[in-house]
Amino acid sequence: TLAREAERVEAKVAKLRKRAADHEAREREATFAARAAARMADETRARARANRVVEVEALERKTAAEAAAEACVSLADDATKRRESAERSATIAEQKAEDARTCLRKLETQRAELETKVSDLE
């Protein structure tokens, strides 16, 4: 009976040792998995940081492009105003030139009339 009791205790010890070895193996696997997960998390954080940098750069480029577009619109508006002003000035100059030609024709007519009167008087 004592021998059987010893065998039973030895079997229990063997079972407990096997269970401890299994737990140890699972703990090693869990540690390995935890390290792998930590590496993946670090890589994900690094990618997220890189993506944020890219997003910020893209936003900066977009803002610069919008500012350039606004500047172009402003320049185009200024150019349009200057063109319209130049067209108005040209129209006024054409009218003044026409007025001057009309006046010149009248003066030439008057001169011709005066020359005729002078000839008649002579």
N, C-alpha and C. Protein backbone atom coordinates (compact mmCIF):
# COMPACT_ATOMS: atom_id res chain seq x y z
N THR A 1 0.82 -1.20 0.00
CA THR A 1 0.00 0.00 0.00
C THR A 1 0.87 1.26 0.00
N LEU A 2 1.93 1.18 0.72
CA LEU A 2 2.84 2.31 0.75
C LEU A 2 3.49 2.49 -0.63
N ALA A 3 3.77 1.36 -1.27
CA ALA A 3 4.37 1.40 -2.61
C ALA A 3 3.36 2.01 -3.60
N ARG A 4 2.08 1.60 -3.44
CA ARG A 4 1.06 2.16 -4.32
C ARG A 4 0.89 3.66 -4.08
N GLU A 5 0.90 4.03 -2.84
CA GLU A 5 0.79 5.45 -2.47
C GLU A 5 1.97 6.22 -3.08
N ALA A 6 3.15 5.66 -3.05
CA ALA A 6 4.34 6.30 -3.61
C ALA A 6 4.19 6.42 -5.13
N GLU A 7 3.65 5.37 -5.77
CA GLU A 7 3.46 5.41 -7.21
C GLU A 7 2.43 6.50 -7.59
N ARG A 8 1.35 6.57 -6.79
CA ARG A 8 0.32 7.56 -7.02
C ARG A 8 0.89 8.98 -6.87
N VAL A 9 1.68 9.19 -5.86
CA VAL A 9 2.29 10.50 -5.62
C VAL A 9 3.26 10.82 -6.75
N GLU A 10 4.05 9.81 -7.18
CA GLU A 10 4.98 10.03 -8.29
C GLU A 10 4.23 10.35 -9.58
N ALA A 11 3.11 9.67 -9.80
CA ALA A 11 2.30 9.94 -10.99
C ALA A 11 1.75 11.37 -10.93
N LYS A 12 1.29 11.80 -9.72
CA LYS A 12 0.78 13.16 -9.54
C LYS A 12 1.88 14.18 -9.79
N VAL A 13 3.08 13.88 -9.27
CA VAL A 13 4.22 14.78 -9.46
C VAL A 13 4.55 14.88 -10.94
N ALA A 14 4.54 13.73 -11.62
CA ALA A 14 4.84 13.72 -13.06
C ALA A 14 3.80 14.54 -13.82
N LYS A 15 2.50 14.38 -13.42
CA LYS A 15 1.42 15.11 -14.05
C LYS A 15 1.58 16.62 -13.81
N LEU A 16 1.94 16.97 -12.57
CA LEU A 16 2.14 18.38 -12.24
C LEU A 16 3.34 18.97 -12.99
N ARG A 17 4.40 18.16 -13.12
CA ARG A 17 5.57 18.63 -13.86
C ARG A 17 5.21 18.85 -15.33
N LYS A 18 4.41 17.92 -15.88
CA LYS A 18 3.99 18.07 -17.28
C LYS A 18 3.12 19.32 -17.43
N ARG A 19 2.22 19.52 -16.49
CA ARG A 19 1.36 20.69 -16.52
C ARG A 19 2.20 21.97 -16.42
N ALA A 20 3.20 21.94 -15.52
CA ALA A 20 4.09 23.10 -15.37
C ALA A 20 4.87 23.34 -16.68
N ALA A 21 5.33 22.27 -17.30
CA ALA A 21 6.05 22.41 -18.57
C ALA A 21 5.13 22.98 -19.64
N ASP A 22 3.86 22.50 -19.66
CA ASP A 22 2.89 23.04 -20.63
C ASP A 22 2.64 24.53 -20.38
N HIS A 23 2.49 24.90 -19.11
CA HIS A 23 2.27 26.31 -18.77
C HIS A 23 3.48 27.15 -19.18
N GLU A 24 4.64 26.60 -18.96
CA GLU A 24 5.87 27.30 -19.32
C GLU A 24 5.94 27.51 -20.84
N ALA A 25 5.58 26.46 -21.59
CA ALA A 25 5.58 26.56 -23.06
C ALA A 25 4.56 27.60 -23.51
N ARG A 26 3.37 27.59 -22.92
CA ARG A 26 2.34 28.57 -23.26
C ARG A 26 2.78 29.99 -22.90
N GLU A 27 3.47 30.10 -21.77
CA GLU A 27 3.97 31.41 -21.36
C GLU A 27 5.00 31.93 -22.36
N ARG A 28 5.90 31.03 -22.83
CA ARG A 28 6.89 31.43 -23.84
C ARG A 28 6.18 31.86 -25.13
N GLU A 29 5.17 31.08 -25.54
CA GLU A 29 4.42 31.43 -26.75
C GLU A 29 3.70 32.77 -26.59
N ALA A 30 3.12 32.98 -25.41
CA ALA A 30 2.42 34.24 -25.15
C ALA A 30 3.40 35.41 -25.15
N THR A 31 4.58 35.20 -24.56
CA THR A 31 5.60 36.26 -24.55
C THR A 31 6.03 36.58 -25.97
N PHE A 32 6.26 35.53 -26.78
CA PHE A 32 6.65 35.72 -28.18
C PHE A 32 5.55 36.47 -28.93
N ALA A 33 4.30 36.05 -28.72
CA ALA A 33 3.17 36.71 -29.39
C ALA A 33 3.05 38.17 -28.93
N ALA A 34 3.27 38.42 -27.63
CA ALA A 34 3.18 39.78 -27.12
C ALA A 34 4.27 40.66 -27.73
N ARG A 35 5.48 40.11 -27.86
CA ARG A 35 6.56 40.88 -28.48
C ARG A 35 6.25 41.17 -29.95
N ALA A 36 5.72 40.15 -30.64
CA ALA A 36 5.36 40.34 -32.05
C ALA A 36 4.27 41.41 -32.17
N ALA A 37 3.29 41.36 -31.27
CA ALA A 37 2.21 42.36 -31.30
C ALA A 37 2.77 43.75 -31.00
N ALA A 38 3.72 43.85 -30.07
CA ALA A 38 4.33 45.14 -29.75
C ALA A 38 5.10 45.68 -30.96
N ARG A 39 5.82 44.78 -31.67
CA ARG A 39 6.53 45.22 -32.88
C ARG A 39 5.54 45.72 -33.93
N MET A 40 4.45 44.97 -34.11
CA MET A 40 3.44 45.38 -35.09
C MET A 40 2.84 46.73 -34.70
N ALA A 41 2.59 46.91 -33.40
CA ALA A 41 2.02 48.19 -32.94
C ALA A 41 3.01 49.33 -33.20
N ASP A 42 4.30 49.08 -32.94
CA ASP A 42 5.32 50.10 -33.22
C ASP A 42 5.35 50.44 -34.70
N GLU A 43 5.31 49.41 -35.55
CA GLU A 43 5.32 49.64 -36.99
C GLU A 43 4.09 50.42 -37.43
N THR A 44 2.94 50.07 -36.84
CA THR A 44 1.70 50.77 -37.18
C THR A 44 1.78 52.23 -36.75
N ARG A 45 2.32 52.47 -35.54
CA ARG A 45 2.48 53.86 -35.08
C ARG A 45 3.43 54.62 -36.01
N ALA A 46 4.51 53.97 -36.42
CA ALA A 46 5.47 54.62 -37.33
C ALA A 46 4.80 54.95 -38.66
N ARG A 47 4.00 54.01 -39.18
CA ARG A 47 3.29 54.27 -40.44
C ARG A 47 2.30 55.42 -40.25
N ALA A 48 1.61 55.42 -39.10
CA ALA A 48 0.63 56.48 -38.84
C ALA A 48 1.34 57.84 -38.77
N ARG A 49 2.52 57.88 -38.11
CA ARG A 49 3.27 59.14 -38.06
C ARG A 49 3.67 59.57 -39.47
N ALA A 50 4.16 58.62 -40.26
CA ALA A 50 4.56 58.94 -41.64
C ALA A 50 3.35 59.43 -42.43
N ASN A 51 2.21 58.79 -42.25
CA ASN A 51 0.99 59.20 -42.96
C ASN A 51 0.57 60.61 -42.54
N ARG A 52 0.70 60.91 -41.23
CA ARG A 52 0.35 62.25 -40.77
C ARG A 52 1.28 63.28 -41.41
N VAL A 53 2.56 62.95 -41.50
CA VAL A 53 3.51 63.87 -42.14
C VAL A 53 3.10 64.09 -43.60
N VAL A 54 2.77 63.00 -44.28
CA VAL A 54 2.36 63.11 -45.69
C VAL A 54 1.08 63.94 -45.80
N GLU A 55 0.14 63.71 -44.88
CA GLU A 55 -1.11 64.48 -44.91
C GLU A 55 -0.84 65.96 -44.68
N VAL A 56 0.04 66.26 -43.71
CA VAL A 56 0.37 67.66 -43.43
C VAL A 56 1.03 68.29 -44.65
N GLU A 57 1.97 67.56 -45.27
CA GLU A 57 2.63 68.09 -46.46
C GLU A 57 1.63 68.31 -47.59
N ALA A 58 0.70 67.36 -47.75
CA ALA A 58 -0.31 67.49 -48.79
C ALA A 58 -1.21 68.70 -48.50
N LEU A 59 -1.57 68.88 -47.24
CA LEU A 59 -2.39 70.03 -46.86
C LEU A 59 -1.65 71.33 -47.12
N GLU A 60 -0.35 71.33 -46.80
CA GLU A 60 0.45 72.54 -47.07
C GLU A 60 0.51 72.82 -48.57
N ARG A 61 0.70 71.76 -49.37
CA ARG A 61 0.73 71.95 -50.82
C ARG A 61 -0.61 72.45 -51.33
N LYS A 62 -1.69 71.88 -50.79
CA LYS A 62 -3.03 72.30 -51.20
C LYS A 62 -3.26 73.77 -50.84
N THR A 63 -2.85 74.15 -49.62
CA THR A 63 -3.01 75.54 -49.19
C THR A 63 -2.21 76.47 -50.09
N ALA A 64 -0.97 76.07 -50.41
CA ALA A 64 -0.14 76.89 -51.29
C ALA A 64 -0.78 76.99 -52.68
N ALA A 65 -1.32 75.89 -53.17
CA ALA A 65 -1.97 75.90 -54.49
C ALA A 65 -3.20 76.80 -54.48
N GLU A 66 -3.97 76.74 -53.38
CA GLU A 66 -5.15 77.60 -53.28
C GLU A 66 -4.74 79.07 -53.24
N ALA A 67 -3.67 79.35 -52.48
CA ALA A 67 -3.20 80.74 -52.41
C ALA A 67 -2.72 81.20 -53.78
N ALA A 68 -2.01 80.34 -54.50
CA ALA A 68 -1.55 80.69 -55.85
C ALA A 68 -2.74 80.92 -56.77
N ALA A 69 -3.75 80.07 -56.66
CA ALA A 69 -4.95 80.23 -57.49
C ALA A 69 -5.64 81.56 -57.19
N GLU A 70 -5.73 81.90 -55.89
CA GLU A 70 -6.35 83.18 -55.52
C GLU A 70 -5.54 84.34 -56.08
N ALA A 71 -4.21 84.22 -56.02
CA ALA A 71 -3.35 85.28 -56.56
C ALA A 71 -3.56 85.41 -58.07
N CYS A 72 -3.68 84.27 -58.76
CA CYS A 72 -3.92 84.29 -60.21
C CYS A 72 -5.26 84.95 -60.53
N VAL A 73 -6.27 84.63 -59.76
CA VAL A 73 -7.59 85.25 -59.97
C VAL A 73 -7.49 86.75 -59.76
N SER A 74 -6.78 87.14 -58.69
CA SER A 74 -6.61 88.57 -58.41
C SER A 74 -5.87 89.27 -59.54
N LEU A 75 -4.79 88.63 -60.03
CA LEU A 75 -4.04 89.20 -61.16
C LEU A 75 -4.92 89.30 -62.41
N ALA A 76 -5.72 88.28 -62.65
CA ALA A 76 -6.61 88.28 -63.80
C ALA A 76 -7.63 89.41 -63.68
N ASP A 77 -8.17 89.59 -62.46
CA ASP A 77 -9.12 90.69 -62.24
C ASP A 77 -8.46 92.04 -62.50
N ASP A 78 -7.24 92.20 -61.98
CA ASP A 78 -6.51 93.46 -62.20
C ASP A 78 -6.27 93.68 -63.69
N ALA A 79 -5.85 92.61 -64.39
CA ALA A 79 -5.60 92.73 -65.83
C ALA A 79 -6.88 93.09 -66.57
N THR A 80 -8.00 92.51 -66.17
CA THR A 80 -9.28 92.81 -66.81
C THR A 80 -9.64 94.29 -66.58
N LYS A 81 -9.45 94.76 -65.35
CA LYS A 81 -9.76 96.16 -65.05
C LYS A 81 -8.87 97.10 -65.87
N ARG A 82 -7.58 96.75 -65.96
CA ARG A 82 -6.67 97.59 -66.75
C ARG A 82 -7.05 97.58 -68.23
N ARG A 83 -7.41 96.40 -68.75
CA ARG A 83 -7.82 96.31 -70.15
C ARG A 83 -9.06 97.16 -70.39
N GLU A 84 -10.05 97.02 -69.49
CA GLU A 84 -11.28 97.80 -69.65
C GLU A 84 -10.99 99.29 -69.59
N SER A 85 -10.08 99.69 -68.67
CA SER A 85 -9.71 101.10 -68.56
C SER A 85 -9.01 101.56 -69.84
N ALA A 86 -8.11 100.70 -70.36
CA ALA A 86 -7.41 101.04 -71.61
C ALA A 86 -8.40 101.16 -72.76
N GLU A 87 -9.41 100.28 -72.81
CA GLU A 87 -10.42 100.35 -73.87
C GLU A 87 -11.22 101.65 -73.77
N ARG A 88 -11.57 102.04 -72.52
CA ARG A 88 -12.30 103.30 -72.33
C ARG A 88 -11.43 104.49 -72.77
N SER A 89 -10.15 104.43 -72.39
CA SER A 89 -9.23 105.51 -72.79
C SER A 89 -9.09 105.57 -74.31
N ALA A 90 -9.01 104.41 -74.94
CA ALA A 90 -8.90 104.36 -76.40
C ALA A 90 -10.15 104.93 -77.05
N THR A 91 -11.31 104.60 -76.52
CA THR A 91 -12.56 105.12 -77.06
C THR A 91 -12.61 106.64 -76.93
N ILE A 92 -12.19 107.13 -75.75
CA ILE A 92 -12.17 108.59 -75.53
C ILE A 92 -11.19 109.24 -76.50
N ALA A 93 -10.01 108.63 -76.68
CA ALA A 93 -9.00 109.18 -77.60
C ALA A 93 -9.52 109.18 -79.03
N GLU A 94 -10.21 108.10 -79.42
CA GLU A 94 -10.78 108.04 -80.77
C GLU A 94 -11.82 109.14 -80.96
N GLN A 95 -12.64 109.37 -79.94
CA GLN A 95 -13.67 110.42 -80.02
C GLN A 95 -13.02 111.80 -80.14
N LYS A 96 -11.95 112.00 -79.33
CA LYS A 96 -11.25 113.29 -79.39
C LYS A 96 -10.59 113.48 -80.77
N ALA A 97 -10.02 112.38 -81.30
CA ALA A 97 -9.41 112.47 -82.63
C ALA A 97 -10.47 112.80 -83.68
N GLU A 98 -11.62 112.18 -83.57
CA GLU A 98 -12.71 112.47 -84.51
C GLU A 98 -13.17 113.91 -84.37
N ASP A 99 -13.27 114.37 -83.10
CA ASP A 99 -13.65 115.78 -82.85
C ASP A 99 -12.61 116.72 -83.46
N ALA A 100 -11.31 116.34 -83.29
CA ALA A 100 -10.24 117.18 -83.84
C ALA A 100 -10.31 117.21 -85.37
N ARG A 101 -10.58 116.07 -86.01
CA ARG A 101 -10.71 116.02 -87.47
C ARG A 101 -11.89 116.87 -87.94
N THR A 102 -13.00 116.78 -87.22
CA THR A 102 -14.18 117.59 -87.55
C THR A 102 -13.85 119.07 -87.44
N CYS A 103 -13.19 119.41 -86.35
CA CYS A 103 -12.81 120.81 -86.13
C CYS A 103 -11.87 121.28 -87.24
N LEU A 104 -10.90 120.42 -87.61
CA LEU A 104 -9.95 120.75 -88.67
C LEU A 104 -10.67 120.96 -90.00
N ARG A 105 -11.64 120.09 -90.29
CA ARG A 105 -12.42 120.25 -91.53
C ARG A 105 -13.17 121.59 -91.52
N LYS A 106 -13.75 121.93 -90.39
CA LYS A 106 -14.48 123.20 -90.28
C LYS A 106 -13.52 124.37 -90.50
N LEU A 107 -12.32 124.26 -89.86
CA LEU A 107 -11.34 125.33 -90.02
C LEU A 107 -10.87 125.44 -91.47
N GLU A 108 -10.67 124.29 -92.12
CA GLU A 108 -10.25 124.31 -93.53
C GLU A 108 -11.34 124.93 -94.40
N THR A 109 -12.59 124.59 -94.07
CA THR A 109 -13.72 125.17 -94.81
C THR A 109 -13.75 126.68 -94.61
N GLN A 110 -13.59 127.10 -93.34
CA GLN A 110 -13.59 128.53 -93.04
C GLN A 110 -12.43 129.24 -93.75
N ARG A 111 -11.24 128.62 -93.75
CA ARG A 111 -10.08 129.20 -94.42
C ARG A 111 -10.35 129.36 -95.92
N ALA A 112 -10.94 128.28 -96.48
CA ALA A 112 -11.26 128.35 -97.92
C ALA A 112 -12.24 129.48 -98.19
N GLU A 113 -13.25 129.62 -97.31
CA GLU A 113 -14.23 130.70 -97.48
C GLU A 113 -13.56 132.07 -97.36
N LEU A 114 -12.64 132.16 -96.36
CA LEU A 114 -11.94 133.43 -96.17
C LEU A 114 -11.04 133.74 -97.36
N GLU A 115 -10.36 132.73 -97.88
CA GLU A 115 -9.50 132.94 -99.05
C GLU A 115 -10.32 133.40 -100.25
N THR A 116 -11.52 132.79 -100.36
CA THR A 116 -12.41 133.18 -101.44
C THR A 116 -12.82 134.64 -101.27
N LYS A 117 -13.16 135.04 -100.05
CA LYS A 117 -13.57 136.41 -99.79
C LYS A 117 -12.40 137.36 -100.03
N VAL A 118 -11.19 136.95 -99.64
CA VAL A 118 -10.01 137.79 -99.87
C VAL A 118 -9.78 137.95 -101.36
N SER A 119 -9.94 136.86 -102.12
CA SER A 119 -9.78 136.92 -103.57
C SER A 119 -10.81 137.83 -104.18
N ASP A 120 -12.04 137.72 -103.66
CA ASP A 120 -13.12 138.56 -104.18
C ASP A 120 -12.84 140.03 -103.90
N LEU A 121 -12.27 140.30 -102.74
CA LEU A 121 -11.99 141.67 -102.33
C LEU A 121 -10.82 142.25 -103.13
N GLU A 122 -9.93 141.43 -103.55
CA GLU A 122 -8.77 141.93 -104.28
C GLU A 122 -9.22 142.27 -105.65
